[in-house]
Amino acid sequence: MNISNTPTTEVKLAELFNLLGNPSRLQILLILGEGEACVCHLKEALHQRQAYISQQLMILRKSGLVSASRKGRYIYYRLTQPEVLETVHAAASILGLRLPPTQIKDVPGCPYPGE
């Protein structure tokens, strides 16, 4: 019996796949693969409540896949490990699926991070 508290490789991989197993988190990662976005942009793209999106972002931040930075009164999120998208694209390819195009849309009253 392994009494070590150090997660095994298999456990770490299972945790990553668990994170990717939520459709909203997958969509968030794909959108952030296009560039930084705030909750306003994610809300517009996902058509979900802000509270739900914030909850998913918190999970992604705790996992280390996403980080945040404040610019004025806005908080922008970005991928810290864009390589995770390679896994998503590989899984889609294995299943013979095409991922839908993602694009960060302008939101009135919420500046795009590049502005």
PDB file of N, CA and C in Angstrom:
ATOM      1  N   MET A   1       0.836  -1.171   0.000  1.00  0.00           N
ATOM      2  CA  MET A   1       0.000   0.000   0.000  1.00  0.00           C
ATOM      3  C   MET A   1       0.885   1.239   0.000  1.00  0.00           C
ATOM      4  N   ASN A   2       0.557   2.200  -0.852  1.00  0.00           N
ATOM      5  CA  ASN A   2       1.326   3.429  -0.960  1.00  0.00           C
ATOM      6  C   ASN A   2       0.777   4.440   0.043  1.00  0.00           C
ATOM      7  N   ILE A   3       1.578   4.782   1.048  1.00  0.00           N
ATOM      8  CA  ILE A   3       1.101   5.717   2.064  1.00  0.00           C
ATOM      9  C   ILE A   3       1.625   7.132   1.808  1.00  0.00           C
ATOM     10  N   SER A   4       2.255   7.324   0.690  1.00  0.00           N
ATOM     11  CA  SER A   4       2.785   8.635   0.336  1.00  0.00           C
ATOM     12  C   SER A   4       1.643   9.602   0.058  1.00  0.00           C
ATOM     13  N   ASN A   5       1.814  10.852   0.477  1.00  0.00           N
ATOM     14  CA  ASN A   5       0.829  11.895   0.198  1.00  0.00           C
ATOM     15  C   ASN A   5       1.082  12.569  -1.144  1.00  0.00           C
ATOM     16  N   THR A   6       2.159  12.201  -1.801  1.00  0.00           N
ATOM     17  CA  THR A   6       2.475  12.775  -3.095  1.00  0.00           C
ATOM     18  C   THR A   6       1.598  12.132  -4.161  1.00  0.00           C
ATOM     19  N   PRO A   7       0.819  12.962  -4.890  1.00  0.00           N
ATOM     20  CA  PRO A   7      -0.035  12.375  -5.934  1.00  0.00           C
ATOM     21  C   PRO A   7       0.805  11.683  -7.012  1.00  0.00           C
ATOM     22  N   THR A   8       0.321  10.559  -7.450  1.00  0.00           N
ATOM     23  CA  THR A   8       1.009   9.835  -8.506  1.00  0.00           C
ATOM     24  C   THR A   8       0.750  10.514  -9.842  1.00  0.00           C
ATOM     25  N   THR A   9       1.496  10.110 -10.829  1.00  0.00           N
ATOM     26  CA  THR A   9       1.298  10.627 -12.178  1.00  0.00           C
ATOM     27  C   THR A   9      -0.132  10.395 -12.634  1.00  0.00           C
ATOM     28  N   GLU A  10      -0.642   9.228 -12.355  1.00  0.00           N
ATOM     29  CA  GLU A  10      -1.998   8.896 -12.767  1.00  0.00           C
ATOM     30  C   GLU A  10      -3.030   9.799 -12.098  1.00  0.00           C
ATOM     31  N   VAL A  11      -2.811  10.111 -10.824  1.00  0.00           N
ATOM     32  CA  VAL A  11      -3.730  10.986 -10.097  1.00  0.00           C
ATOM     33  C   VAL A  11      -3.690  12.391 -10.692  1.00  0.00           C
ATOM     34  N   LYS A  12      -2.502  12.875 -10.977  1.00  0.00           N
ATOM     35  CA  LYS A  12      -2.375  14.215 -11.563  1.00  0.00           C
ATOM     36  C   LYS A  12      -3.043  14.285 -12.937  1.00  0.00           C
ATOM     37  N   LEU A  13      -2.859  13.246 -13.738  1.00  0.00           N
ATOM     38  CA  LEU A  13      -3.518  13.214 -15.051  1.00  0.00           C
ATOM     39  C   LEU A  13      -5.030  13.156 -14.898  1.00  0.00           C
ATOM     40  N   ALA A  14      -5.506  12.351 -13.957  1.00  0.00           N
ATOM     41  CA  ALA A  14      -6.948  12.250 -13.724  1.00  0.00           C
ATOM     42  C   ALA A  14      -7.518  13.596 -13.285  1.00  0.00           C
ATOM     43  N   GLU A  15      -6.773  14.333 -12.472  1.00  0.00           N
ATOM     44  CA  GLU A  15      -7.227  15.661 -12.045  1.00  0.00           C
ATOM     45  C   GLU A  15      -7.332  16.608 -13.236  1.00  0.00           C
ATOM     46  N   LEU A  16      -6.365  16.554 -14.155  1.00  0.00           N
ATOM     47  CA  LEU A  16      -6.425  17.400 -15.344  1.00  0.00           C
ATOM     48  C   LEU A  16      -7.636  17.034 -16.194  1.00  0.00           C
ATOM     49  N   PHE A  17      -7.838  15.747 -16.420  1.00  0.00           N
ATOM     50  CA  PHE A  17      -8.974  15.326 -17.241  1.00  0.00           C
ATOM     51  C   PHE A  17     -10.303  15.653 -16.561  1.00  0.00           C
ATOM     52  N   ASN A  18     -10.320  15.634 -15.246  1.00  0.00           N
ATOM     53  CA  ASN A  18     -11.523  16.041 -14.521  1.00  0.00           C
ATOM     54  C   ASN A  18     -11.817  17.526 -14.766  1.00  0.00           C
ATOM     55  N   LEU A  19     -10.778  18.343 -14.739  1.00  0.00           N
ATOM     56  CA  LEU A  19     -10.944  19.772 -15.039  1.00  0.00           C
ATOM     57  C   LEU A  19     -11.481  19.977 -16.447  1.00  0.00           C
ATOM     58  N   LEU A  20     -10.955  19.207 -17.389  1.00  0.00           N
ATOM     59  CA  LEU A  20     -11.367  19.332 -18.783  1.00  0.00           C
ATOM     60  C   LEU A  20     -12.722  18.697 -19.042  1.00  0.00           C
ATOM     61  N   GLY A  21     -13.247  17.968 -18.070  1.00  0.00           N
ATOM     62  CA  GLY A  21     -14.508  17.266 -18.245  1.00  0.00           C
ATOM     63  C   GLY A  21     -15.747  18.135 -18.118  1.00  0.00           C
ATOM     64  N   ASN A  22     -15.571  19.400 -17.822  1.00  0.00           N
ATOM     65  CA  ASN A  22     -16.703  20.314 -17.702  1.00  0.00           C
ATOM     66  C   ASN A  22     -16.790  21.159 -18.969  1.00  0.00           C
ATOM     67  N   PRO A  23     -17.914  21.112 -19.696  1.00  0.00           N
ATOM     68  CA  PRO A  23     -18.030  21.851 -20.960  1.00  0.00           C
ATOM     69  C   PRO A  23     -17.780  23.356 -20.828  1.00  0.00           C
ATOM     70  N   SER A  24     -18.230  23.955 -19.744  1.00  0.00           N
ATOM     71  CA  SER A  24     -18.009  25.401 -19.575  1.00  0.00           C
ATOM     72  C   SER A  24     -16.538  25.717 -19.370  1.00  0.00           C
ATOM     73  N   ARG A  25     -15.855  24.896 -18.592  1.00  0.00           N
ATOM     74  CA  ARG A  25     -14.418  25.123 -18.398  1.00  0.00           C
ATOM     75  C   ARG A  25     -13.666  24.933 -19.707  1.00  0.00           C
ATOM     76  N   LEU A  26     -14.081  23.950 -20.493  1.00  0.00           N
ATOM     77  CA  LEU A  26     -13.460  23.754 -21.809  1.00  0.00           C
ATOM     78  C   LEU A  26     -13.651  24.995 -22.676  1.00  0.00           C
ATOM     79  N   GLN A  27     -14.872  25.516 -22.694  1.00  0.00           N
ATOM     80  CA  GLN A  27     -15.141  26.713 -23.492  1.00  0.00           C
ATOM     81  C   GLN A  27     -14.304  27.888 -23.006  1.00  0.00           C
ATOM     82  N   ILE A  28     -14.193  28.058 -21.708  1.00  0.00           N
ATOM     83  CA  ILE A  28     -13.381  29.147 -21.154  1.00  0.00           C
ATOM     84  C   ILE A  28     -11.939  29.000 -21.606  1.00  0.00           C
ATOM     85  N   LEU A  29     -11.390  27.800 -21.506  1.00  0.00           N
ATOM     86  CA  LEU A  29     -10.000  27.581 -21.924  1.00  0.00           C
ATOM     87  C   LEU A  29      -9.815  27.883 -23.409  1.00  0.00           C
ATOM     88  N   LEU A  30     -10.772  27.462 -24.231  1.00  0.00           N
ATOM     89  CA  LEU A  30     -10.671  27.721 -25.667  1.00  0.00           C
ATOM     90  C   LEU A  30     -10.741  29.212 -25.959  1.00  0.00           C
ATOM     91  N   ILE A  31     -11.610  29.928 -25.269  1.00  0.00           N
ATOM     92  CA  ILE A  31     -11.703  31.379 -25.463  1.00  0.00           C
ATOM     93  C   ILE A  31     -10.419  32.060 -25.015  1.00  0.00           C
ATOM     94  N   LEU A  32      -9.899  31.665 -23.857  1.00  0.00           N
ATOM     95  CA  LEU A  32      -8.669  32.270 -23.369  1.00  0.00           C
ATOM     96  C   LEU A  32      -7.474  31.902 -24.240  1.00  0.00           C
ATOM     97  N   GLY A  33      -7.614  30.848 -25.008  1.00  0.00           N
ATOM     98  CA  GLY A  33      -6.568  30.512 -25.978  1.00  0.00           C
ATOM     99  C   GLY A  33      -6.438  31.568 -27.063  1.00  0.00           C
ATOM    100  N   GLU A  34      -7.469  32.371 -27.241  1.00  0.00           N
ATOM    101  CA  GLU A  34      -7.451  33.465 -28.213  1.00  0.00           C
ATOM    102  C   GLU A  34      -6.850  34.728 -27.623  1.00  0.00           C
ATOM    103  N   GLY A  35      -6.759  34.817 -26.309  1.00  0.00           N
ATOM    104  CA  GLY A  35      -6.204  35.995 -25.654  1.00  0.00           C
ATOM    105  C   GLY A  35      -6.906  36.270 -24.339  1.00  0.00           C
ATOM    106  N   GLU A  36      -6.432  37.293 -23.649  1.00  0.00           N
ATOM    107  CA  GLU A  36      -7.021  37.660 -22.373  1.00  0.00           C
ATOM    108  C   GLU A  36      -8.489  38.030 -22.526  1.00  0.00           C
ATOM    109  N   ALA A  37      -9.248  37.794 -21.463  1.00  0.00           N
ATOM    110  CA  ALA A  37     -10.659  38.167 -21.455  1.00  0.00           C
ATOM    111  C   ALA A  37     -11.094  38.390 -20.013  1.00  0.00           C
ATOM    112  N   CYS A  38     -12.079  39.250 -19.837  1.00  0.00           N
ATOM    113  CA  CYS A  38     -12.652  39.433 -18.509  1.00  0.00           C
ATOM    114  C   CYS A  38     -13.963  38.656 -18.446  1.00  0.00           C
ATOM    115  N   VAL A  39     -14.561  38.632 -17.276  1.00  0.00           N
ATOM    116  CA  VAL A  39     -15.801  37.887 -17.094  1.00  0.00           C
ATOM    117  C   VAL A  39     -16.878  38.403 -18.040  1.00  0.00           C
ATOM    118  N   CYS A  40     -16.874  39.727 -18.304  1.00  0.00           N
ATOM    119  CA  CYS A  40     -17.876  40.297 -19.230  1.00  0.00           C
ATOM    120  C   CYS A  40     -17.801  39.625 -20.596  1.00  0.00           C
ATOM    121  N   HIS A  41     -16.582  39.434 -21.095  1.00  0.00           N
ATOM    122  CA  HIS A  41     -16.396  38.800 -22.400  1.00  0.00           C
ATOM    123  C   HIS A  41     -16.797  37.331 -22.359  1.00  0.00           C
ATOM    124  N   LEU A  42     -16.444  36.651 -21.287  1.00  0.00           N
ATOM    125  CA  LEU A  42     -16.787  35.237 -21.157  1.00  0.00           C
ATOM    126  C   LEU A  42     -18.297  35.059 -21.019  1.00  0.00           C
ATOM    127  N   LYS A  43     -18.929  35.957 -20.280  1.00  0.00           N
ATOM    128  CA  LYS A  43     -20.386  35.905 -20.119  1.00  0.00           C
ATOM    129  C   LYS A  43     -21.080  36.053 -21.471  1.00  0.00           C
ATOM    130  N   GLU A  44     -20.596  36.970 -22.281  1.00  0.00           N
ATOM    131  CA  GLU A  44     -21.171  37.198 -23.613  1.00  0.00           C
ATOM    132  C   GLU A  44     -20.987  35.970 -24.508  1.00  0.00           C
ATOM    133  N   ALA A  45     -19.825  35.349 -24.433  1.00  0.00           N
ATOM    134  CA  ALA A  45     -19.528  34.199 -25.290  1.00  0.00           C
ATOM    135  C   ALA A  45     -20.251  32.928 -24.842  1.00  0.00           C
ATOM    136  N   LEU A  46     -20.381  32.733 -23.528  1.00  0.00           N
ATOM    137  CA  LEU A  46     -20.923  31.482 -22.997  1.00  0.00           C
ATOM    138  C   LEU A  46     -22.417  31.534 -22.706  1.00  0.00           C
ATOM    139  N   HIS A  47     -22.968  32.734 -22.605  1.00  0.00           N
ATOM    140  CA  HIS A  47     -24.383  32.894 -22.269  1.00  0.00           C
ATOM    141  C   HIS A  47     -24.710  32.215 -20.943  1.00  0.00           C
ATOM    142  N   GLN A  48     -23.817  32.415 -19.988  1.00  0.00           N
ATOM    143  CA  GLN A  48     -23.983  31.882 -18.635  1.00  0.00           C
ATOM    144  C   GLN A  48     -23.982  33.045 -17.645  1.00  0.00           C
ATOM    145  N   ARG A  49     -24.491  32.793 -16.453  1.00  0.00           N
ATOM    146  CA  ARG A  49     -24.479  33.815 -15.402  1.00  0.00           C
ATOM    147  C   ARG A  49     -23.045  34.119 -14.976  1.00  0.00           C
ATOM    148  N   GLN A  50     -22.814  35.363 -14.590  1.00  0.00           N
ATOM    149  CA  GLN A  50     -21.495  35.792 -14.156  1.00  0.00           C
ATOM    150  C   GLN A  50     -21.006  34.966 -12.965  1.00  0.00           C
ATOM    151  N   ALA A  51     -21.894  34.667 -12.029  1.00  0.00           N
ATOM    152  CA  ALA A  51     -21.501  33.890 -10.849  1.00  0.00           C
ATOM    153  C   ALA A  51     -20.987  32.509 -11.241  1.00  0.00           C
ATOM    154  N   TYR A  52     -21.646  31.872 -12.205  1.00  0.00           N
ATOM    155  CA  TYR A  52     -21.231  30.541 -12.649  1.00  0.00           C
ATOM    156  C   TYR A  52     -19.864  30.611 -13.334  1.00  0.00           C
ATOM    157  N   ILE A  53     -19.675  31.609 -14.184  1.00  0.00           N
ATOM    158  CA  ILE A  53     -18.393  31.767 -14.874  1.00  0.00           C
ATOM    159  C   ILE A  53     -17.277  32.034 -13.858  1.00  0.00           C
ATOM    160  N   SER A  54     -17.555  32.890 -12.889  1.00  0.00           N
ATOM    161  CA  SER A  54     -16.555  33.181 -11.855  1.00  0.00           C
ATOM    162  C   SER A  54     -16.190  31.925 -11.074  1.00  0.00           C
ATOM    163  N   GLN A  55     -17.176  31.082 -10.802  1.00  0.00           N
ATOM    164  CA  GLN A  55     -16.925  29.826 -10.102  1.00  0.00           C
ATOM    165  C   GLN A  55     -15.992  28.921 -10.922  1.00  0.00           C
ATOM    166  N   GLN A  56     -16.238  28.823 -12.216  1.00  0.00           N
ATOM    167  CA  GLN A  56     -15.396  27.995 -13.081  1.00  0.00           C
ATOM    168  C   GLN A  56     -13.985  28.586 -13.187  1.00  0.00           C
ATOM    169  N   LEU A  57     -13.900  29.906 -13.252  1.00  0.00           N
ATOM    170  CA  LEU A  57     -12.590  30.560 -13.298  1.00  0.00           C
ATOM    171  C   LEU A  57     -11.803  30.305 -12.017  1.00  0.00           C
ATOM    172  N   MET A  58     -12.487  30.300 -10.886  1.00  0.00           N
ATOM    173  CA  MET A  58     -11.822  30.026  -9.619  1.00  0.00           C
ATOM    174  C   MET A  58     -11.217  28.616  -9.625  1.00  0.00           C
ATOM    175  N   ILE A  59     -11.959  27.657 -10.145  1.00  0.00           N
ATOM    176  CA  ILE A  59     -11.461  26.281 -10.229  1.00  0.00           C
ATOM    177  C   ILE A  59     -10.235  26.233 -11.146  1.00  0.00           C
ATOM    178  N   LEU A  60     -10.316  26.909 -12.282  1.00  0.00           N
ATOM    179  CA  LEU A  60      -9.192  26.920 -13.228  1.00  0.00           C
ATOM    180  C   LEU A  60      -7.981  27.649 -12.654  1.00  0.00           C
ATOM    181  N   ARG A  61      -8.218  28.694 -11.880  1.00  0.00           N
ATOM    182  CA  ARG A  61      -7.107  29.402 -11.234  1.00  0.00           C
ATOM    183  C   ARG A  61      -6.435  28.524 -10.185  1.00  0.00           C
ATOM    184  N   LYS A  62      -7.239  27.836  -9.378  1.00  0.00           N
ATOM    185  CA  LYS A  62      -6.672  26.954  -8.349  1.00  0.00           C
ATOM    186  C   LYS A  62      -5.840  25.834  -8.974  1.00  0.00           C
ATOM    187  N   SER A  63      -6.243  25.410 -10.170  1.00  0.00           N
ATOM    188  CA  SER A  63      -5.504  24.339 -10.844  1.00  0.00           C
ATOM    189  C   SER A  63      -4.200  24.840 -11.453  1.00  0.00           C
ATOM    190  N   GLY A  64      -4.086  26.154 -11.613  1.00  0.00           N
ATOM    191  CA  GLY A  64      -2.886  26.726 -12.218  1.00  0.00           C
ATOM    192  C   GLY A  64      -2.965  26.869 -13.727  1.00  0.00           C
ATOM    193  N   LEU A  65      -4.111  26.545 -14.332  1.00  0.00           N
ATOM    194  CA  LEU A  65      -4.245  26.666 -15.789  1.00  0.00           C
ATOM    195  C   LEU A  65      -4.550  28.094 -16.228  1.00  0.00           C
ATOM    196  N   VAL A  66      -5.090  28.893 -15.313  1.00  0.00           N
ATOM    197  CA  VAL A  66      -5.502  30.261 -15.620  1.00  0.00           C
ATOM    198  C   VAL A  66      -4.963  31.181 -14.538  1.00  0.00           C
ATOM    199  N   SER A  67      -4.570  32.393 -14.945  1.00  0.00           N
ATOM    200  CA  SER A  67      -4.183  33.411 -13.971  1.00  0.00           C
ATOM    201  C   SER A  67      -4.967  34.685 -14.273  1.00  0.00           C
ATOM    202  N   ALA A  68      -4.914  35.621 -13.336  1.00  0.00           N
ATOM    203  CA  ALA A  68      -5.678  36.859 -13.488  1.00  0.00           C
ATOM    204  C   ALA A  68      -4.798  38.052 -13.178  1.00  0.00           C
ATOM    205  N   SER A  69      -5.133  39.173 -13.812  1.00  0.00           N
ATOM    206  CA  SER A  69      -4.453  40.427 -13.500  1.00  0.00           C
ATOM    207  C   SER A  69      -5.469  41.555 -13.588  1.00  0.00           C
ATOM    208  N   ARG A  70      -5.280  42.521 -12.724  1.00  0.00           N
ATOM    209  CA  ARG A  70      -6.186  43.663 -12.677  1.00  0.00           C
ATOM    210  C   ARG A  70      -5.624  44.783 -13.548  1.00  0.00           C
ATOM    211  N   LYS A  71      -6.519  45.343 -14.365  1.00  0.00           N
ATOM    212  CA  LYS A  71      -6.184  46.523 -15.169  1.00  0.00           C
ATOM    213  C   LYS A  71      -7.299  47.527 -14.924  1.00  0.00           C
ATOM    214  N   GLY A  72      -7.003  48.502 -14.073  1.00  0.00           N
ATOM    215  CA  GLY A  72      -8.048  49.433 -13.682  1.00  0.00           C
ATOM    216  C   GLY A  72      -9.076  48.710 -12.837  1.00  0.00           C
ATOM    217  N   ARG A  73     -10.334  48.829 -13.219  1.00  0.00           N
ATOM    218  CA  ARG A  73     -11.378  48.162 -12.445  1.00  0.00           C
ATOM    219  C   ARG A  73     -11.759  46.795 -13.007  1.00  0.00           C
ATOM    220  N   TYR A  74     -11.040  46.355 -14.032  1.00  0.00           N
ATOM    221  CA  TYR A  74     -11.346  45.072 -14.672  1.00  0.00           C
ATOM    222  C   TYR A  74     -10.292  44.036 -14.325  1.00  0.00           C
ATOM    223  N   ILE A  75     -10.727  42.795 -14.219  1.00  0.00           N
ATOM    224  CA  ILE A  75      -9.814  41.672 -14.005  1.00  0.00           C
ATOM    225  C   ILE A  75      -9.820  40.839 -15.275  1.00  0.00           C
ATOM    226  N   TYR A  76      -8.640  40.633 -15.821  1.00  0.00           N
ATOM    227  CA  TYR A  76      -8.504  39.869 -17.055  1.00  0.00           C
ATOM    228  C   TYR A  76      -7.849  38.531 -16.762  1.00  0.00           C
ATOM    229  N   TYR A  77      -8.349  37.513 -17.428  1.00  0.00           N
ATOM    230  CA  TYR A  77      -7.877  36.143 -17.240  1.00  0.00           C
ATOM    231  C   TYR A  77      -7.114  35.698 -18.469  1.00  0.00           C
ATOM    232  N   ARG A  78      -6.122  34.851 -18.253  1.00  0.00           N
ATOM    233  CA  ARG A  78      -5.322  34.319 -19.357  1.00  0.00           C
ATOM    234  C   ARG A  78      -4.866  32.918 -19.028  1.00  0.00           C
ATOM    235  N   LEU A  79      -4.558  32.181 -20.080  1.00  0.00           N
ATOM    236  CA  LEU A  79      -4.008  30.833 -19.886  1.00  0.00           C
ATOM    237  C   LEU A  79      -2.579  30.942 -19.381  1.00  0.00           C
ATOM    238  N   THR A  80      -2.240  30.134 -18.416  1.00  0.00           N
ATOM    239  CA  THR A  80      -0.852  30.077 -17.957  1.00  0.00           C
ATOM    240  C   THR A  80      -0.114  28.937 -18.641  1.00  0.00           C
ATOM    241  N   GLN A  81      -0.888  27.962 -19.117  1.00  0.00           N
ATOM    242  CA  GLN A  81      -0.295  26.808 -19.776  1.00  0.00           C
ATOM    243  C   GLN A  81      -1.056  26.517 -21.067  1.00  0.00           C
ATOM    244  N   PRO A  82      -0.787  27.297 -22.122  1.00  0.00           N
ATOM    245  CA  PRO A  82      -1.526  27.107 -23.371  1.00  0.00           C
ATOM    246  C   PRO A  82      -1.376  25.700 -23.955  1.00  0.00           C
ATOM    247  N   GLU A  83      -0.388  24.953 -23.497  1.00  0.00           N
ATOM    248  CA  GLU A  83      -0.182  23.585 -23.983  1.00  0.00           C
ATOM    249  C   GLU A  83      -1.390  22.700 -23.701  1.00  0.00           C
ATOM    250  N   VAL A  84      -2.194  23.075 -22.708  1.00  0.00           N
ATOM    251  CA  VAL A  84      -3.379  22.269 -22.390  1.00  0.00           C
ATOM    252  C   VAL A  84      -4.333  22.214 -23.577  1.00  0.00           C
ATOM    253  N   LEU A  85      -4.301  23.233 -24.416  1.00  0.00           N
ATOM    254  CA  LEU A  85      -5.178  23.234 -25.594  1.00  0.00           C
ATOM    255  C   LEU A  85      -4.767  22.170 -26.600  1.00  0.00           C
ATOM    256  N   GLU A  86      -3.494  21.787 -26.592  1.00  0.00           N
ATOM    257  CA  GLU A  86      -3.055  20.691 -27.457  1.00  0.00           C
ATOM    258  C   GLU A  86      -3.784  19.402 -27.075  1.00  0.00           C
ATOM    259  N   THR A  87      -3.974  19.199 -25.776  1.00  0.00           N
ATOM    260  CA  THR A  87      -4.696  18.027 -25.295  1.00  0.00           C
ATOM    261  C   THR A  87      -6.153  18.075 -25.748  1.00  0.00           C
ATOM    262  N   VAL A  88      -6.760  19.256 -25.651  1.00  0.00           N
ATOM    263  CA  VAL A  88      -8.154  19.419 -26.067  1.00  0.00           C
ATOM    264  C   VAL A  88      -8.292  19.151 -27.567  1.00  0.00           C
ATOM    265  N   HIS A  89      -7.393  19.716 -28.362  1.00  0.00           N
ATOM    266  CA  HIS A  89      -7.449  19.507 -29.811  1.00  0.00           C
ATOM    267  C   HIS A  89      -7.183  18.043 -30.176  1.00  0.00           C
ATOM    268  N   ALA A  90      -6.265  17.400 -29.458  1.00  0.00           N
ATOM    269  CA  ALA A  90      -5.987  15.986 -29.720  1.00  0.00           C
ATOM    270  C   ALA A  90      -7.209  15.127 -29.401  1.00  0.00           C
ATOM    271  N   ALA A  91      -7.878  15.423 -28.293  1.00  0.00           N
ATOM    272  CA  ALA A  91      -9.078  14.664 -27.924  1.00  0.00           C
ATOM    273  C   ALA A  91     -10.172  14.856 -28.967  1.00  0.00           C
ATOM    274  N   ALA A  92     -10.346  16.077 -29.446  1.00  0.00           N
ATOM    275  CA  ALA A  92     -11.350  16.339 -30.488  1.00  0.00           C
ATOM    276  C   ALA A  92     -11.011  15.560 -31.748  1.00  0.00           C
ATOM    277  N   SER A  93      -9.744  15.517 -32.087  1.00  0.00           N
ATOM    278  CA  SER A  93      -9.305  14.788 -33.280  1.00  0.00           C
ATOM    279  C   SER A  93      -9.570  13.288 -33.138  1.00  0.00           C
ATOM    280  N   ILE A  94      -9.282  12.743 -31.970  1.00  0.00           N
ATOM    281  CA  ILE A  94      -9.523  11.321 -31.721  1.00  0.00           C
ATOM    282  C   ILE A  94     -11.000  10.985 -31.923  1.00  0.00           C
ATOM    283  N   LEU A  95     -11.868  11.908 -31.508  1.00  0.00           N
ATOM    284  CA  LEU A  95     -13.315  11.686 -31.620  1.00  0.00           C
ATOM    285  C   LEU A  95     -13.879  12.107 -32.974  1.00  0.00           C
ATOM    286  N   GLY A  96     -13.006  12.618 -33.857  1.00  0.00           N
ATOM    287  CA  GLY A  96     -13.454  13.060 -35.167  1.00  0.00           C
ATOM    288  C   GLY A  96     -14.315  14.312 -35.105  1.00  0.00           C
ATOM    289  N   LEU A  97     -14.039  15.170 -34.113  1.00  0.00           N
ATOM    290  CA  LEU A  97     -14.826  16.387 -33.925  1.00  0.00           C
ATOM    291  C   LEU A  97     -14.040  17.619 -34.349  1.00  0.00           C
ATOM    292  N   ARG A  98     -14.785  18.613 -34.785  1.00  0.00           N
ATOM    293  CA  ARG A  98     -14.183  19.931 -35.051  1.00  0.00           C
ATOM    294  C   ARG A  98     -14.611  20.852 -33.930  1.00  0.00           C
ATOM    295  N   LEU A  99     -13.648  21.499 -33.326  1.00  0.00           N
ATOM    296  CA  LEU A  99     -13.986  22.445 -32.273  1.00  0.00           C
ATOM    297  C   LEU A  99     -14.602  23.686 -32.893  1.00  0.00           C
ATOM    298  N   PRO A 100     -15.638  24.230 -32.250  1.00  0.00           N
ATOM    299  CA  PRO A 100     -16.253  25.436 -32.802  1.00  0.00           C
ATOM    300  C   PRO A 100     -15.274  26.605 -32.717  1.00  0.00           C
ATOM    301  N   PRO A 101     -15.363  27.522 -33.672  1.00  0.00           N
ATOM    302  CA  PRO A 101     -14.463  28.684 -33.602  1.00  0.00           C
ATOM    303  C   PRO A 101     -14.780  29.524 -32.367  1.00  0.00           C
ATOM    304  N   THR A 102     -13.748  30.066 -31.774  1.00  0.00           N
ATOM    305  CA  THR A 102     -13.931  30.941 -30.623  1.00  0.00           C
ATOM    306  C   THR A 102     -13.380  32.306 -30.974  1.00  0.00           C
ATOM    307  N   GLN A 103     -14.035  33.301 -30.456  1.00  0.00           N
ATOM    308  CA  GLN A 103     -13.585  34.662 -30.702  1.00  0.00           C
ATOM    309  C   GLN A 103     -14.056  35.528 -29.552  1.00  0.00           C
ATOM    310  N   ILE A 104     -13.168  36.360 -29.058  1.00  0.00           N
ATOM    311  CA  ILE A 104     -13.534  37.284 -28.003  1.00  0.00           C
ATOM    312  C   ILE A 104     -14.262  38.447 -28.652  1.00  0.00           C
ATOM    313  N   LYS A 105     -15.501  38.666 -28.218  1.00  0.00           N
ATOM    314  CA  LYS A 105     -16.335  39.703 -28.810  1.00  0.00           C
ATOM    315  C   LYS A 105     -16.289  40.974 -27.965  1.00  0.00           C
ATOM    316  N   ASP A 106     -16.487  42.096 -28.626  1.00  0.00           N
ATOM    317  CA  ASP A 106     -16.598  43.358 -27.904  1.00  0.00           C
ATOM    318  C   ASP A 106     -17.848  43.348 -27.051  1.00  0.00           C
ATOM    319  N   VAL A 107     -17.738  43.913 -25.873  1.00  0.00           N
ATOM    320  CA  VAL A 107     -18.868  44.044 -24.965  1.00  0.00           C
ATOM    321  C   VAL A 107     -18.996  45.532 -24.639  1.00  0.00           C
ATOM    322  N   PRO A 108     -20.148  46.125 -24.918  1.00  0.00           N
ATOM    323  CA  PRO A 108     -20.321  47.545 -24.610  1.00  0.00           C
ATOM    324  C   PRO A 108     -20.003  47.852 -23.154  1.00  0.00           C
ATOM    325  N   GLY A 109     -19.192  48.870 -22.946  1.00  0.00           N
ATOM    326  CA  GLY A 109     -18.834  49.291 -21.587  1.00  0.00           C
ATOM    327  C   GLY A 109     -17.697  48.503 -20.964  1.00  0.00           C
ATOM    328  N   CYS A 110     -17.206  47.527 -21.644  1.00  0.00           N
ATOM    329  CA  CYS A 110     -16.114  46.701 -21.122  1.00  0.00           C
ATOM    330  C   CYS A 110     -14.996  46.677 -22.150  1.00  0.00           C
ATOM    331  N   PRO A 111     -13.896  47.356 -21.872  1.00  0.00           N
ATOM    332  CA  PRO A 111     -12.830  47.426 -22.867  1.00  0.00           C
ATOM    333  C   PRO A 111     -12.135  46.089 -23.085  1.00  0.00           C
ATOM    334  N   TYR A 112     -11.771  45.849 -24.323  1.00  0.00           N
ATOM    335  CA  TYR A 112     -10.978  44.660 -24.637  1.00  0.00           C
ATOM    336  C   TYR A 112      -9.581  44.895 -24.078  1.00  0.00           C
ATOM    337  N   PRO A 113      -8.922  43.869 -23.568  1.00  0.00           N
ATOM    338  CA  PRO A 113      -7.622  44.055 -22.923  1.00  0.00           C
ATOM    339  C   PRO A 113      -6.567  44.687 -23.832  1.00  0.00           C
ATOM    340  N   GLY A 114      -6.676  44.509 -25.112  1.00  0.00           N
ATOM    341  CA  GLY A 114      -5.678  45.060 -26.025  1.00  0.00           C
ATOM    342  C   GLY A 114      -5.836  46.546 -26.254  1.00  0.00           C
ATOM    343  N   GLU A 115      -6.924  47.136 -25.751  1.00  0.00           N
ATOM    344  CA  GLU A 115      -7.177  48.558 -25.998  1.00  0.00           C
ATOM    345  C   GLU A 115      -6.400  49.436 -25.054  1.00  0.00           C
TER     346      GLU A 115
END
